[in-house]
C-alpha cells in the first residue's frame, strides 16, 4: 500500500479514538458541589475562564445550580392559611342588594 495512505489512515484512527473517549472524571452533581465548597469554587472559576462558551457547558450549568442551591438553601413549603382582615366582623359578609336606578334626564344620551 501507499505510505501516504497508511499515514492518513493512522491519523484518522488516532483522531477518532482521541475524541470519542476522552479520559475525564465524571462530572460532579449539584449535591456534591454544595457539600464541597472548594470544588464548587474551582468549577465556577473554570466556567469564568471559558467565557461565553460556558453557556453551552453542562458542568457550568451544574455549578450555577449548585451555587443557587447553596445561596438560597432549601425552599420553604407554603401552606395557605385563611386571613381574617377584620376580626370583629362576622365570617360571612353578605353584600347589600342595591337597585340600580337610572336618571331619566340622561336615559337617551350616549356615553362618551
C-alpha atoms as a PDB file:
ATOM      1  CA  UNK A   1       0.000   0.000   0.000  1.00  0.00           C
ATOM      2  CA  UNK A   2       0.953   3.581  -0.424  1.00  0.00           C
ATOM      3  CA  UNK A   3       2.839   5.085   2.570  1.00  0.00           C
ATOM      4  CA  UNK A   4       0.851   8.341   2.444  1.00  0.00           C
ATOM      5  CA  UNK A   5      -2.364   6.374   2.547  1.00  0.00           C
ATOM      6  CA  UNK A   6      -1.232   4.456   5.665  1.00  0.00           C
ATOM      7  CA  UNK A   7      -0.169   7.664   7.396  1.00  0.00           C
ATOM      8  CA  UNK A   8      -3.522   9.262   6.605  1.00  0.00           C
ATOM      9  CA  UNK A   9      -5.422   6.238   7.925  1.00  0.00           C
ATOM     10  CA  UNK A  10      -3.362   6.195  11.126  1.00  0.00           C
ATOM     11  CA  UNK A  11      -4.070   9.890  11.750  1.00  0.00           C
ATOM     12  CA  UNK A  12      -7.787   9.300  11.212  1.00  0.00           C
ATOM     13  CA  UNK A  13      -7.796   6.371  13.645  1.00  0.00           C
ATOM     14  CA  UNK A  14      -5.884   8.378  16.251  1.00  0.00           C
ATOM     15  CA  UNK A  15      -8.299  11.285  15.837  1.00  0.00           C
ATOM     16  CA  UNK A  16     -11.375   9.077  16.200  1.00  0.00           C
ATOM     17  CA  UNK A  17     -10.052   7.278  19.266  1.00  0.00           C
ATOM     18  CA  UNK A  18      -8.848  10.510  20.846  1.00  0.00           C
ATOM     19  CA  UNK A  19     -12.148  12.347  20.504  1.00  0.00           C
ATOM     20  CA  UNK A  20     -14.604   9.532  21.115  1.00  0.00           C
ATOM     21  CA  UNK A  21     -13.462   8.531  24.597  1.00  0.00           C
ATOM     22  CA  UNK A  22     -11.840  11.384  26.485  1.00  0.00           C
ATOM     23  CA  UNK A  23     -10.273  10.382  29.778  1.00  0.00           C
ATOM     24  CA  UNK A  24     -12.172  12.598  32.210  1.00  0.00           C
ATOM     25  CA  UNK A  25     -13.501  12.163  35.670  1.00  0.00           C
ATOM     26  CA  UNK A  26     -17.255  12.108  35.913  1.00  0.00           C
ATOM     27  CA  UNK A  27     -18.852  15.498  36.344  1.00  0.00           C
ATOM     28  CA  UNK A  28     -19.840  16.298  39.940  1.00  0.00           C
ATOM     29  CA  UNK A  29     -23.519  16.528  40.831  1.00  0.00           C
ATOM     30  CA  UNK A  30     -25.218  19.552  42.343  1.00  0.00           C
ATOM     31  CA  UNK A  31     -25.279  17.984  45.808  1.00  0.00           C
ATOM     32  CA  UNK A  32     -21.583  17.065  45.621  1.00  0.00           C
ATOM     33  CA  UNK A  33     -20.704  20.648  44.708  1.00  0.00           C
ATOM     34  CA  UNK A  34     -22.840  22.073  47.524  1.00  0.00           C
ATOM     35  CA  UNK A  35     -21.164  19.709  50.007  1.00  0.00           C
ATOM     36  CA  UNK A  36     -17.662  20.669  48.811  1.00  0.00           C
ATOM     37  CA  UNK A  37     -17.267  24.471  48.524  1.00  0.00           C
ATOM     38  CA  UNK A  38     -13.679  24.222  47.225  1.00  0.00           C
ATOM     39  CA  UNK A  39     -14.817  22.030  44.334  1.00  0.00           C
ATOM     40  CA  UNK A  40     -17.679  24.445  43.611  1.00  0.00           C
ATOM     41  CA  UNK A  41     -15.284  27.400  43.583  1.00  0.00           C
ATOM     42  CA  UNK A  42     -12.958  25.540  41.228  1.00  0.00           C
ATOM     43  CA  UNK A  43     -15.825  24.759  38.844  1.00  0.00           C
ATOM     44  CA  UNK A  44     -17.044  28.360  38.907  1.00  0.00           C
ATOM     45  CA  UNK A  45     -13.509  29.582  38.184  1.00  0.00           C
ATOM     46  CA  UNK A  46     -13.279  27.138  35.278  1.00  0.00           C
ATOM     47  CA  UNK A  47     -16.552  28.466  33.903  1.00  0.00           C
ATOM     48  CA  UNK A  48     -15.319  32.029  34.267  1.00  0.00           C
ATOM     49  CA  UNK A  49     -12.234  31.132  32.221  1.00  0.00           C
ATOM     50  CA  UNK A  50     -14.424  29.650  29.476  1.00  0.00           C
ATOM     51  CA  UNK A  51     -16.155  32.984  28.905  1.00  0.00           C
ATOM     52  CA  UNK A  52     -19.190  32.787  26.599  1.00  0.00           C
ATOM     53  CA  UNK A  53     -18.515  29.093  25.917  1.00  0.00           C
ATOM     54  CA  UNK A  54     -19.678  28.422  29.491  1.00  0.00           C
ATOM     55  CA  UNK A  55     -23.282  28.962  28.349  1.00  0.00           C
ATOM     56  CA  UNK A  56     -23.085  25.685  26.416  1.00  0.00           C
ATOM     57  CA  UNK A  57     -21.134  23.745  29.059  1.00  0.00           C
ATOM     58  CA  UNK A  58     -23.157  21.231  31.106  1.00  0.00           C
ATOM     59  CA  UNK A  59     -20.696  21.314  34.002  1.00  0.00           C
ATOM     60  CA  UNK A  60     -21.092  25.093  34.249  1.00  0.00           C
ATOM     61  CA  UNK A  61     -24.876  24.760  34.375  1.00  0.00           C
ATOM     62  CA  UNK A  62     -24.478  22.240  37.206  1.00  0.00           C
ATOM     63  CA  UNK A  63     -22.109  24.579  39.054  1.00  0.00           C
ATOM     64  CA  UNK A  64     -24.507  27.503  38.688  1.00  0.00           C
ATOM     65  CA  UNK A  65     -27.407  25.411  40.002  1.00  0.00           C
ATOM     66  CA  UNK A  66     -25.257  24.333  42.955  1.00  0.00           C
ATOM     67  CA  UNK A  67     -24.376  27.957  43.672  1.00  0.00           C
ATOM     68  CA  UNK A  68     -28.064  28.893  43.636  1.00  0.00           C
ATOM     69  CA  UNK A  69     -28.906  25.996  45.933  1.00  0.00           C
ATOM     70  CA  UNK A  70     -26.096  26.981  48.283  1.00  0.00           C
ATOM     71  CA  UNK A  71     -27.226  30.615  48.323  1.00  0.00           C
ATOM     72  CA  UNK A  72     -30.986  30.161  48.554  1.00  0.00           C
ATOM     73  CA  UNK A  73     -30.949  26.932  50.575  1.00  0.00           C
ATOM     74  CA  UNK A  74     -33.960  24.712  50.801  1.00  0.00           C
ATOM     75  CA  UNK A  75     -37.139  26.382  49.649  1.00  0.00           C
ATOM     76  CA  UNK A  76     -39.719  26.712  52.412  1.00  0.00           C
ATOM     77  CA  UNK A  77     -43.019  24.947  51.984  1.00  0.00           C
ATOM     78  CA  UNK A  78     -46.015  27.217  51.766  1.00  0.00           C
ATOM     79  CA  UNK A  79     -49.258  26.327  53.472  1.00  0.00           C
ATOM     80  CA  UNK A  80     -52.129  28.595  52.740  1.00  0.00           C
ATOM     81  CA  UNK A  81     -53.901  29.884  55.832  1.00  0.00           C
ATOM     82  CA  UNK A  82     -57.085  31.923  55.770  1.00  0.00           C
ATOM     83  CA  UNK A  83     -56.561  35.546  56.734  1.00  0.00           C
ATOM     84  CA  UNK A  84     -59.201  37.425  58.647  1.00  0.00           C
ATOM     85  CA  UNK A  85     -58.566  41.078  57.885  1.00  0.00           C
ATOM     86  CA  UNK A  86     -61.480  42.253  60.002  1.00  0.00           C
ATOM     87  CA  UNK A  87     -61.605  40.124  63.141  1.00  0.00           C
ATOM     88  CA  UNK A  88     -64.622  41.920  64.642  1.00  0.00           C
ATOM     89  CA  UNK A  89     -66.932  41.192  61.697  1.00  0.00           C
ATOM     90  CA  UNK A  90     -68.850  38.007  61.030  1.00  0.00           C
ATOM     91  CA  UNK A  91     -67.112  35.398  58.887  1.00  0.00           C
ATOM     92  CA  UNK A  92     -69.566  35.622  56.036  1.00  0.00           C
ATOM     93  CA  UNK A  93     -70.301  39.020  54.575  1.00  0.00           C
ATOM     94  CA  UNK A  94     -73.481  39.369  52.554  1.00  0.00           C
ATOM     95  CA  UNK A  95     -73.380  42.190  50.021  1.00  0.00           C
ATOM     96  CA  UNK A  96     -76.232  44.640  50.249  1.00  0.00           C
ATOM     97  CA  UNK A  97     -78.701  44.460  47.428  1.00  0.00           C
ATOM     98  CA  UNK A  98     -78.690  47.726  45.539  1.00  0.00           C
ATOM     99  CA  UNK A  99     -81.102  48.537  42.799  1.00  0.00           C
ATOM    100  CA  UNK A 100     -79.518  50.495  40.042  1.00  0.00           C
ATOM    101  CA  UNK A 101     -81.643  53.464  39.167  1.00  0.00           C
ATOM    102  CA  UNK A 102     -81.233  55.439  36.010  1.00  0.00           C
ATOM    103  CA  UNK A 103     -81.565  59.161  35.794  1.00  0.00           C
ATOM    104  CA  UNK A 104     -84.431  59.880  33.388  1.00  0.00           C
ATOM    105  CA  UNK A 105     -82.761  63.030  32.087  1.00  0.00           C
ATOM    106  CA  UNK A 106     -79.670  61.048  30.912  1.00  0.00           C
ATOM    107  CA  UNK A 107     -81.523  57.942  29.733  1.00  0.00           C
ATOM    108  CA  UNK A 108     -81.378  58.740  25.993  1.00  0.00           C
ATOM    109  CA  UNK A 109     -77.932  60.334  25.698  1.00  0.00           C
ATOM    110  CA  UNK A 110     -74.923  58.328  24.626  1.00  0.00           C
ATOM    111  CA  UNK A 111     -71.972  57.940  26.918  1.00  0.00           C
ATOM    112  CA  UNK A 112     -68.666  59.345  25.891  1.00  0.00           C
END
